[in-house]
Amino acid sequence: MARPDEKRRMSRGGSQKTRVPDNSKICVIDDDESVREALRSLLKSVGFEAEVFASAEDFLGSGHLPGTCCLILDVRMPGMSGFELHEQLIADDEQVPIIFVSAHADEEARARALRSGAVDFLLKPFSDEALLHAIETAMRLKHSP
């Protein structure tokens, strides 16, 4: 049975229903504007609150970390990399699930991300379904007792 603070969300394909809390803010950090806007549109279309940032530094300065249920984080960005942001969050004892995304097929980076606790590592271009599945996993982790 759903808790009162939950509502049904449906994947774009319409076949998969997931219960997620109302305060489901997902932050996307990627230096590619087209990726940021495409992900914002996808996330909003399935009912998530979405915030997007061009850099890790912009995200850290935004005040959006509290209440964030999941980060979608590019690996390679100017300034602070996705890995550096992840390491800082771990050092600060911030426990937000992270889905890494990358345009570079780098098995070493993928292994590093998963070893450090990332929910998933998706290679661009990835399908909506792959991302939504990773988000569903992240939400279960974030909201499990």
Protein backbone atom coordinates (compact mmCIF):
# COMPACT_ATOMS: atom_id res chain seq x y z
CA MET A 1 0.00 0.00 0.00
CA ALA A 2 1.31 3.47 -0.84
CA ARG A 3 2.26 5.91 1.87
CA PRO A 4 0.33 9.22 1.83
CA ASP A 5 3.41 11.10 0.58
CA GLU A 6 3.72 8.88 -2.48
CA LYS A 7 2.11 9.01 -5.88
CA ARG A 8 2.22 6.85 -8.98
CA ARG A 9 4.56 7.75 -11.76
CA MET A 10 4.58 6.06 -15.12
CA SER A 11 7.50 5.51 -17.46
CA ARG A 12 7.29 7.11 -20.88
CA GLY A 13 6.43 3.77 -22.40
CA GLY A 14 3.45 3.59 -20.05
CA SER A 15 4.06 -0.02 -19.12
CA GLN A 16 5.91 0.34 -15.85
CA LYS A 17 4.43 1.97 -12.77
CA THR A 18 6.64 3.05 -9.91
CA ARG A 19 5.75 4.57 -6.57
CA VAL A 20 8.08 7.34 -5.54
CA PRO A 21 7.83 10.02 -2.85
CA ASP A 22 6.44 13.43 -3.79
CA ASN A 23 9.76 15.10 -2.92
CA SER A 24 11.55 13.42 -5.81
CA LYS A 25 14.07 16.02 -6.90
CA ILE A 26 16.69 14.81 -9.34
CA CYS A 27 19.67 16.99 -10.22
CA VAL A 28 21.43 16.66 -13.56
CA ILE A 29 25.02 17.90 -13.78
CA ASP A 30 26.41 17.90 -17.30
CA ASP A 31 28.40 20.47 -19.27
CA ASP A 32 26.44 19.70 -22.46
CA GLU A 33 23.36 21.94 -22.60
CA SER A 34 21.50 19.64 -25.00
CA VAL A 35 21.93 16.71 -22.59
CA ARG A 36 20.79 18.83 -19.63
CA GLU A 37 17.66 20.01 -21.42
CA ALA A 38 16.78 16.57 -22.82
CA LEU A 39 17.10 15.00 -19.38
CA ARG A 40 15.11 17.81 -17.73
CA SER A 41 12.32 17.23 -20.25
CA LEU A 42 12.36 13.45 -19.76
CA LEU A 43 12.37 13.69 -15.97
CA LYS A 44 9.54 16.21 -15.87
CA SER A 45 7.51 14.16 -18.36
CA VAL A 46 7.43 11.24 -15.92
CA GLY A 47 6.69 13.42 -12.90
CA PHE A 48 10.02 14.19 -11.28
CA GLU A 49 11.19 17.61 -10.17
CA ALA A 50 14.36 18.26 -12.19
CA GLU A 51 17.14 20.79 -11.66
CA VAL A 52 20.03 21.07 -14.11
CA PHE A 53 23.54 22.45 -13.71
CA ALA A 54 26.38 23.06 -16.16
CA SER A 55 29.09 22.23 -13.61
CA ALA A 56 29.74 20.57 -10.29
CA GLU A 57 30.64 23.96 -8.87
CA ASP A 58 27.27 25.41 -9.96
CA PHE A 59 25.50 22.51 -8.26
CA LEU A 60 27.46 22.84 -5.02
CA GLY A 61 26.74 26.57 -4.88
CA SER A 62 23.05 26.19 -5.64
CA GLY A 63 21.75 24.96 -2.30
CA HIS A 64 19.92 22.11 -4.06
CA LEU A 65 21.82 19.23 -2.44
CA PRO A 66 19.43 18.94 0.53
CA GLY A 67 16.33 17.16 -0.70
CA THR A 68 17.99 15.72 -3.80
CA CYS A 69 17.03 12.07 -4.21
CA CYS A 70 19.41 11.30 -7.06
CA LEU A 71 22.21 12.89 -9.08
CA ILE A 72 22.75 12.23 -12.76
CA LEU A 73 26.37 13.16 -13.12
CA ASP A 74 28.61 13.48 -16.17
CA VAL A 75 32.07 12.02 -15.65
CA ARG A 76 34.11 14.50 -17.69
CA MET A 77 33.43 18.20 -17.21
CA PRO A 78 35.59 21.33 -17.13
CA GLY A 79 36.60 22.25 -13.60
CA MET A 80 35.55 19.66 -11.04
CA SER A 81 34.94 16.27 -12.65
CA GLY A 82 32.04 14.03 -11.80
CA PHE A 83 34.39 11.73 -9.88
CA GLU A 84 35.77 14.66 -7.89
CA LEU A 85 32.25 15.78 -6.96
CA HIS A 86 31.35 12.24 -5.93
CA GLU A 87 34.48 12.02 -3.76
CA GLN A 88 33.64 15.35 -2.13
CA LEU A 89 30.09 14.23 -1.36
CA ILE A 90 31.41 11.02 0.20
CA ALA A 91 33.94 13.00 2.28
CA ASP A 92 31.13 15.31 3.43
CA ASP A 93 29.02 12.23 4.35
CA GLU A 94 26.34 13.19 1.83
CA GLN A 95 24.54 10.02 0.85
CA VAL A 96 22.80 10.75 -2.42
CA PRO A 97 22.58 8.02 -5.05
CA ILE A 98 24.56 8.82 -8.19
CA ILE A 99 24.08 7.70 -11.77
CA PHE A 100 27.18 8.48 -13.83
CA VAL A 101 26.83 9.21 -17.53
CA SER A 102 29.62 9.48 -20.06
CA ALA A 103 30.15 9.90 -23.79
CA HIS A 104 33.41 7.95 -23.47
CA ALA A 105 33.47 4.16 -23.42
CA ASP A 106 36.01 3.80 -20.63
CA GLU A 107 35.80 0.49 -18.78
CA GLU A 108 38.23 1.70 -16.11
CA ALA A 109 36.01 4.72 -15.37
CA ARG A 110 32.93 2.50 -15.27
CA ALA A 111 34.58 0.10 -12.84
CA ARG A 112 35.78 3.01 -10.68
CA ALA A 113 32.29 4.50 -10.55
CA LEU A 114 30.62 1.25 -9.56
CA ARG A 115 33.33 0.44 -6.97
CA SER A 116 32.77 3.84 -5.37
CA GLY A 117 29.08 3.13 -4.90
CA ALA A 118 27.41 4.59 -7.99
CA VAL A 119 24.01 3.13 -8.84
CA ASP A 120 24.88 2.84 -12.53
CA PHE A 121 27.22 4.05 -15.27
CA LEU A 122 25.43 4.76 -18.55
CA LEU A 123 27.16 5.36 -21.85
CA LYS A 124 25.73 8.20 -23.96
CA PRO A 125 23.55 7.92 -25.87
CA PHE A 126 21.48 5.80 -23.48
CA SER A 127 17.81 4.89 -23.71
CA ASP A 128 15.12 6.55 -21.65
CA GLU A 129 14.30 3.12 -20.26
CA ALA A 130 17.88 2.50 -19.09
CA LEU A 131 17.96 5.83 -17.28
CA LEU A 132 14.51 5.40 -15.73
CA HIS A 133 15.48 1.93 -14.52
CA ALA A 134 18.64 3.35 -12.91
CA ILE A 135 16.58 6.13 -11.29
CA GLU A 136 14.11 3.59 -9.95
CA THR A 137 17.02 1.71 -8.37
CA ALA A 138 18.41 4.95 -6.93
CA MET A 139 15.04 5.91 -5.46
CA ARG A 140 14.71 2.53 -3.76
CA LEU A 141 18.16 3.02 -2.23
CA LYS A 142 17.42 6.57 -1.09
CA HIS A 143 14.06 5.72 0.46
CA SER A 144 14.82 2.35 1.98
CA PRO A 145 14.96 2.25 5.79
